[in-house]
Amino acid sequence: MSRVAVVTGASAGLGRAVAEELARRGDAVALLARGQAGLDGAAEAVRSLGGRPLAVPTDVSDAAAVDRAAERVERELGEIDLWVNVASQSAFAWFWDVEPEEFAQVTAVTYLGYVYGTRAALARMRPRDRGTVVQVGSALAYRGIPLQAAYCGSKHAIQGFHDSLRAELFADGSNVRVTMVQMPALNTPQFDWVRSRLPRKAQPVAPIYQPEVAARAVAWAADHPQRREYWVGASTVGTLLANAVVPGLLDRYLGRTGVASQQAEQPEDPSRRDYLFRPVDDTDDHGAHGRFDSTAKSSSPQAALARHHGALAAAGGVAAVAGLAALRGRRRS
């Protein structure tokens, strides 16, 4: 049965892939983002895949704008069944090199954008006593890494907000559901859009997955929101479990490897545009994929296993052992 879905950050990257995946299921999809060309491309993609699009230019860091977008969605598409918070930003730099207004902007989009989106969704879902909110998280919701303090702090904040909200919905006896999907590194355009003060081009830490892998997991979570969270990718499972077992060792390991692993060999262009205070896809549509197609994985056994509790536990145990062995081996070397 088709739904009315809202996806934030829908003009590019993972948000674009999620919108396209929901369109394949026949959903009406409201697309919230800042970049007009990206929104136009996303709307055309949704339409061609069998969905019914509505592009709504929206800055998710503006609570009133998000609420106005929700009003328009219900007026033009119908009652919102599903809200997916995806929009995010980062700044690649040492913490002490990030200006206060830059840190605030990343936090406003990546954390408060989720708060405002969830609030707009619940204002409409709770009176009807139905609906689902999916928060797109990250392994970095549990484990911060160097050079992305604002992003990691925001993802940690979303996790705490998510847990508190779930408890409140249970206490209220509500049938509205909220779940979270923890993502691995993804092949999206953001690594060419991010504000960076690094000498070399930013890149995700391998293994890298195609955004469609993550989008399918989000669609699954939307259909099965009873779980607190879902994990996508071997790196996510291993990181979460290793962090629970050996957090101090992981701090030192990331201190040794985390700076170089987030930089490619190519030098950064200090004059390029970034997306921090204005969209990069305002005049050109960039789609869902970044520049890592040659190395990104198109499937994830862990995402499939995450649908089954027993298999997930077994896979997670193997990943944790492997991760610990690798960390200890590096420590001895």
Protein backbone atom coordinates (compact mmCIF):
# COMPACT_ATOMS: atom_id res chain seq x y z
CA MET A 1 0.00 0.00 0.00
CA SER A 2 1.41 3.39 -0.99
CA ARG A 3 2.25 5.94 1.69
CA VAL A 4 2.92 9.64 1.94
CA ALA A 5 6.58 9.97 2.90
CA VAL A 6 8.77 12.96 3.68
CA VAL A 7 12.54 12.75 3.15
CA THR A 8 14.88 15.52 4.29
CA GLY A 9 18.14 16.07 2.46
CA ALA A 10 16.42 14.51 -0.54
CA SER A 11 18.18 16.40 -3.33
CA ALA A 12 21.38 14.33 -3.28
CA GLY A 13 23.33 11.56 -1.60
CA LEU A 14 21.60 9.16 0.74
CA GLY A 15 18.44 11.28 0.94
CA ARG A 16 18.13 11.09 -2.82
CA ALA A 17 18.64 7.31 -2.77
CA VAL A 18 15.99 6.93 -0.03
CA ALA A 19 13.50 9.01 -2.02
CA GLU A 20 14.10 6.88 -5.11
CA GLU A 21 13.73 3.63 -3.13
CA LEU A 22 10.41 4.78 -1.69
CA ALA A 23 9.27 5.80 -5.17
CA ARG A 24 9.94 2.26 -6.39
CA ARG A 25 7.38 1.14 -3.81
CA GLY A 26 4.81 3.53 -5.23
CA ASP A 27 4.92 6.07 -2.39
CA ALA A 28 4.16 9.74 -2.72
CA VAL A 29 7.44 11.38 -1.69
CA ALA A 30 7.89 14.92 -0.41
CA LEU A 31 11.44 16.08 -1.04
CA LEU A 32 12.89 18.59 1.42
CA ALA A 33 16.27 20.21 0.70
CA ARG A 34 17.86 23.57 -0.16
CA GLY A 35 19.21 23.01 -3.69
CA GLN A 36 16.65 23.73 -6.40
CA ALA A 37 18.40 21.84 -9.22
CA GLY A 38 18.89 18.84 -6.97
CA LEU A 39 15.24 18.95 -5.94
CA ASP A 40 14.14 19.15 -9.57
CA GLY A 41 16.30 16.12 -10.43
CA ALA A 42 15.00 14.19 -7.45
CA ALA A 43 11.39 14.96 -8.39
CA GLU A 44 11.95 13.72 -11.92
CA ALA A 45 13.63 10.54 -10.61
CA VAL A 46 10.75 9.84 -8.21
CA ARG A 47 8.21 10.38 -10.98
CA SER A 48 10.06 8.08 -13.41
CA LEU A 49 10.23 5.32 -10.76
CA GLY A 50 6.48 5.31 -10.14
CA GLY A 51 6.20 7.67 -7.19
CA ARG A 52 4.40 10.96 -6.85
CA PRO A 53 6.87 13.74 -5.98
CA LEU A 54 6.50 17.07 -4.25
CA ALA A 55 9.63 19.22 -4.08
CA VAL A 56 9.59 21.63 -1.15
CA PRO A 57 12.65 23.90 -0.84
CA THR A 58 13.39 23.83 2.88
CA ASP A 59 16.26 24.67 5.23
CA VAL A 60 15.85 22.06 7.98
CA SER A 61 17.72 24.25 10.47
CA ASP A 62 14.67 26.56 10.44
CA ALA A 63 11.95 25.03 12.64
CA ALA A 64 9.18 27.23 11.25
CA ALA A 65 10.17 26.40 7.67
CA VAL A 66 10.07 22.68 8.43
CA ASP A 67 6.60 22.99 9.93
CA ARG A 68 5.41 24.97 6.92
CA ALA A 69 6.78 22.24 4.67
CA ALA A 70 4.82 19.61 6.61
CA GLU A 71 1.65 21.68 6.24
CA ARG A 72 2.17 21.89 2.48
CA VAL A 73 2.80 18.15 2.22
CA GLU A 74 -0.46 17.29 3.95
CA ARG A 75 -2.33 19.85 1.88
CA GLU A 76 -0.98 18.61 -1.48
CA LEU A 77 -0.15 14.92 -0.96
CA GLY A 78 -2.23 13.86 2.04
CA GLU A 79 -1.61 12.76 5.60
CA ILE A 80 2.04 11.98 6.34
CA ASP A 81 2.64 8.28 7.07
CA LEU A 82 6.44 8.29 7.12
CA TRP A 83 9.07 10.92 7.91
CA VAL A 84 12.75 10.12 7.21
CA ASN A 85 15.37 12.49 8.63
CA VAL A 86 18.52 12.33 6.49
CA ALA A 87 19.84 15.87 5.99
CA SER A 88 23.28 16.43 7.46
CA GLN A 89 26.48 18.44 7.13
CA SER A 90 30.03 18.12 8.34
CA ALA A 91 33.22 20.15 8.54
CA PHE A 92 36.54 18.34 8.08
CA ALA A 93 39.13 20.05 10.27
CA TRP A 94 40.82 19.84 13.64
CA PHE A 95 38.31 20.93 16.28
CA TRP A 96 40.35 24.01 17.19
CA ASP A 97 40.28 25.14 13.54
CA VAL A 98 36.48 25.03 13.27
CA GLU A 99 34.92 28.46 13.81
CA PRO A 100 32.02 28.69 16.29
CA GLU A 101 29.54 29.64 13.56
CA GLU A 102 30.65 26.62 11.49
CA PHE A 103 30.20 24.26 14.44
CA ALA A 104 26.78 25.80 15.11
CA GLN A 105 25.71 25.37 11.48
CA VAL A 106 26.65 21.68 11.36
CA THR A 107 24.81 21.12 14.63
CA ALA A 108 21.75 23.07 13.48
CA VAL A 109 21.35 20.94 10.35
CA THR A 110 22.61 17.56 11.51
CA TYR A 111 21.03 17.49 14.97
CA LEU A 112 18.38 20.19 15.27
CA GLY A 113 17.14 19.45 11.76
CA TYR A 114 16.18 15.99 13.06
CA VAL A 115 14.53 17.52 16.12
CA TYR A 116 12.50 19.94 14.01
CA GLY A 117 11.57 17.28 11.46
CA THR A 118 10.48 14.87 14.17
CA ARG A 119 8.50 17.57 15.91
CA ALA A 120 6.67 18.48 12.70
CA ALA A 121 5.92 14.81 12.04
CA LEU A 122 4.67 14.08 15.57
CA ALA A 123 2.43 17.16 15.58
CA ARG A 124 0.48 15.44 12.83
CA MET A 125 0.99 11.77 13.64
CA ARG A 126 0.19 11.76 17.37
CA PRO A 127 -3.41 13.06 17.05
CA ARG A 128 -4.02 10.29 14.48
CA ASP A 129 -2.13 7.75 16.65
CA ARG A 130 -0.21 6.34 13.70
CA GLY A 131 2.89 7.00 11.63
CA THR A 132 6.61 6.25 11.57
CA VAL A 133 9.73 8.38 11.92
CA VAL A 134 13.09 7.00 10.79
CA GLN A 135 16.26 8.69 12.01
CA VAL A 136 19.29 8.09 9.79
CA GLY A 137 22.25 7.71 12.11
CA SER A 138 25.80 6.48 11.85
CA ALA A 139 28.35 4.31 13.55
CA LEU A 140 29.65 7.73 14.62
CA ALA A 141 26.60 8.02 16.88
CA TYR A 142 28.58 5.75 19.23
CA ARG A 143 32.19 6.40 18.26
CA GLY A 144 33.59 9.83 17.45
CA ILE A 145 36.52 10.09 15.05
CA PRO A 146 39.09 12.82 14.48
CA LEU A 147 38.43 15.75 12.12
CA GLN A 148 34.62 15.58 12.42
CA ALA A 149 33.84 16.76 15.95
CA ALA A 150 30.70 18.71 15.00
CA TYR A 151 29.24 15.87 12.93
CA CYS A 152 30.06 13.19 15.51
CA GLY A 153 28.68 15.33 18.32
CA SER A 154 25.46 15.77 16.37
CA LYS A 155 25.10 12.05 15.69
CA HIS A 156 25.68 11.30 19.38
CA ALA A 157 22.99 13.86 20.22
CA ILE A 158 20.52 12.26 17.82
CA GLN A 159 21.04 8.92 19.54
CA GLY A 160 20.22 10.36 22.96
CA PHE A 161 17.23 12.26 21.57
CA HIS A 162 16.02 9.09 19.84
CA ASP A 163 16.18 7.00 23.03
CA SER A 164 14.37 9.64 25.06
CA LEU A 165 11.65 10.06 22.46
CA ARG A 166 11.04 6.31 22.16
CA ALA A 167 10.63 6.07 25.94
CA GLU A 168 8.17 8.97 25.92
CA LEU A 169 6.08 7.42 23.14
CA PHE A 170 5.92 4.15 25.05
CA ALA A 171 4.96 6.01 28.24
CA ASP A 172 2.25 7.85 26.32
CA GLY A 173 0.83 4.61 24.93
CA SER A 174 1.25 5.97 21.42
CA ASN A 175 1.12 3.84 18.27
CA VAL A 176 3.52 6.22 16.52
CA ARG A 177 6.84 4.45 15.98
CA VAL A 178 10.38 5.80 15.72
CA THR A 179 13.46 3.79 14.77
CA MET A 180 17.07 4.55 13.79
CA VAL A 181 19.35 3.15 11.09
CA GLN A 182 23.09 3.34 11.81
CA MET A 183 25.07 3.85 8.61
CA PRO A 184 28.58 2.94 7.49
CA ALA A 185 30.68 5.03 5.09
CA LEU A 186 28.69 5.82 1.94
CA ASN A 187 29.57 6.89 -1.59
CA THR A 188 27.79 10.25 -1.67
CA PRO A 189 28.69 13.70 -3.06
CA GLN A 190 29.17 15.19 0.39
CA PHE A 191 32.92 14.52 0.38
CA ASP A 192 33.28 16.97 -2.49
CA TRP A 193 30.85 19.42 -0.86
CA VAL A 194 32.02 19.43 2.74
CA ARG A 195 33.85 22.41 4.21
CA SER A 196 37.40 21.23 4.72
CA ARG A 197 40.68 22.61 5.99
CA LEU A 198 42.58 19.44 5.19
CA PRO A 199 45.50 19.49 2.73
CA ARG A 200 44.07 16.54 0.76
CA LYS A 201 40.57 15.68 -0.48
CA ALA A 202 38.21 14.27 2.12
CA GLN A 203 37.09 10.67 1.79
CA PRO A 204 35.04 8.15 3.80
CA VAL A 205 36.81 5.45 5.79
CA ALA A 206 36.65 2.09 3.99
CA PRO A 207 34.70 -0.10 3.51
CA ILE A 208 32.44 2.20 1.48
CA TYR A 209 28.90 1.23 0.45
CA GLN A 210 26.69 2.52 -2.33
CA PRO A 211 23.85 4.74 -1.07
CA GLU A 212 21.26 2.31 -2.44
CA VAL A 213 22.41 -0.29 0.13
CA ALA A 214 21.58 2.15 2.89
CA ALA A 215 18.35 3.27 1.21
CA ARG A 216 17.04 -0.30 1.13
CA ALA A 217 17.81 -0.58 4.84
CA VAL A 218 15.89 2.61 5.55
CA ALA A 219 12.89 1.32 3.59
CA TRP A 220 13.04 -1.94 5.56
CA ALA A 221 13.19 -0.05 8.86
CA ALA A 222 10.20 2.04 7.80
CA ASP A 223 8.22 -1.16 7.29
CA HIS A 224 9.47 -2.70 10.57
CA PRO A 225 9.85 0.20 13.03
CA GLN A 226 9.47 -1.87 16.18
CA ARG A 227 13.25 -2.21 16.59
CA ARG A 228 15.21 0.51 18.39
CA GLU A 229 17.86 0.55 15.65
CA TYR A 230 19.25 -1.26 12.63
CA TRP A 231 22.91 -1.51 11.66
CA VAL A 232 24.16 -1.41 8.07
CA GLY A 233 27.60 -2.65 7.02
CA ALA A 234 30.41 -4.64 8.57
CA SER A 235 32.26 -1.50 9.66
CA THR A 236 29.24 -0.28 11.63
CA VAL A 237 28.73 -3.56 13.49
CA GLY A 238 32.43 -3.96 14.24
CA THR A 239 32.85 -0.36 15.38
CA LEU A 240 29.86 -0.41 17.71
CA LEU A 241 30.90 -3.64 19.38
CA ALA A 242 34.62 -2.82 19.55
CA ASN A 243 33.73 0.53 21.11
CA ALA A 244 31.70 -1.25 23.79
CA VAL A 245 34.57 -3.63 24.62
CA VAL A 246 37.77 -1.59 24.20
CA PRO A 247 36.92 2.12 23.99
CA GLY A 248 40.30 3.30 25.30
CA LEU A 249 42.22 1.20 22.79
CA LEU A 250 39.94 2.43 20.02
CA ASP A 251 40.71 6.06 20.97
CA ARG A 252 44.43 5.46 20.49
CA TYR A 253 43.94 3.47 17.31
CA LEU A 254 41.82 6.20 15.73
CA GLY A 255 44.32 8.79 16.89
CA ARG A 256 47.01 6.97 14.91
CA THR A 257 44.98 6.14 11.80
CA GLY A 258 41.89 8.35 11.64
CA VAL A 259 43.48 11.46 10.15
CA ALA A 260 45.20 9.82 7.18
CA SER A 261 42.32 7.41 6.46
CA GLN A 262 39.92 10.31 5.86
CA GLN A 263 42.12 11.92 3.20
CA ALA A 264 42.66 10.81 -0.38
CA GLU A 265 45.93 11.26 -2.26
CA GLN A 266 44.65 14.19 -4.34
CA PRO A 267 45.25 17.69 -2.97
CA GLU A 268 42.22 19.70 -1.88
CA ASP A 269 41.14 22.73 -3.88
CA PRO A 270 40.88 25.52 -1.29
CA SER A 271 38.80 27.65 -3.66
CA ARG A 272 35.99 25.14 -4.32
CA ARG A 273 32.43 25.77 -3.12
CA ASP A 274 31.12 23.96 -0.06
CA TYR A 275 27.61 23.34 1.22
CA LEU A 276 27.88 24.74 4.73
CA PHE A 277 25.93 27.99 4.34
CA ARG A 278 24.49 27.62 0.83
CA PRO A 279 23.61 24.59 -1.31
CA VAL A 280 26.02 23.26 -3.93
CA ASP A 281 23.21 21.69 -5.97
CA ASP A 282 21.33 24.93 -6.52
CA THR A 283 22.22 25.04 -10.24
CA ASP A 284 23.33 21.46 -11.01
CA ASP A 285 21.86 18.09 -10.07
CA HIS A 286 24.50 15.77 -8.59
CA GLY A 287 22.37 12.71 -7.85
CA ALA A 288 22.99 10.12 -5.16
CA HIS A 289 26.54 8.95 -5.92
CA GLY A 290 29.91 10.44 -5.11
CA ARG A 291 33.30 9.76 -6.70
CA PHE A 292 33.87 6.33 -5.14
CA ASP A 293 31.88 4.11 -7.51
CA SER A 294 34.95 2.01 -8.36
CA THR A 295 35.41 0.85 -4.74
CA ALA A 296 31.94 1.12 -3.15
CA LYS A 297 30.13 -2.11 -2.26
CA SER A 298 26.71 -2.70 -3.76
CA SER A 299 25.50 -5.12 -1.09
CA SER A 300 25.81 -5.68 2.65
CA PRO A 301 25.30 -9.08 4.27
CA GLN A 302 25.13 -7.32 7.64
CA ALA A 303 22.13 -5.27 6.49
CA ALA A 304 20.29 -8.48 5.63
CA LEU A 305 21.35 -10.15 8.88
CA ALA A 306 20.18 -7.13 10.87
CA ARG A 307 16.62 -8.15 10.04
CA HIS A 308 17.03 -11.26 12.19
CA HIS A 309 18.05 -10.98 15.84
CA GLY A 310 19.92 -14.28 16.13
CA ALA A 311 21.88 -13.90 12.93
CA LEU A 312 22.75 -10.32 13.84
CA ALA A 313 24.16 -11.38 17.19
CA ALA A 314 26.31 -14.06 15.59
CA ALA A 315 27.56 -11.72 12.87
CA GLY A 316 28.21 -9.00 15.41
CA GLY A 317 30.25 -11.34 17.57
CA VAL A 318 32.42 -12.35 14.65
CA ALA A 319 32.89 -8.71 13.65
CA ALA A 320 33.81 -7.73 17.19
CA VAL A 321 36.41 -10.49 17.49
CA ALA A 322 37.88 -9.57 14.12
CA GLY A 323 37.94 -5.89 15.04
CA LEU A 324 39.63 -6.53 18.37
CA ALA A 325 42.21 -8.80 16.75
CA ALA A 326 43.02 -6.14 14.18
CA LEU A 327 43.34 -3.44 16.84
CA ARG A 328 45.59 -5.57 19.03
CA GLY A 329 47.71 -6.55 16.06
CA ARG A 330 48.22 -2.89 15.16
CA ARG A 331 49.04 -2.05 18.75
CA ARG A 332 51.81 -4.65 18.85
CA SER A 333 53.24 -3.56 15.48
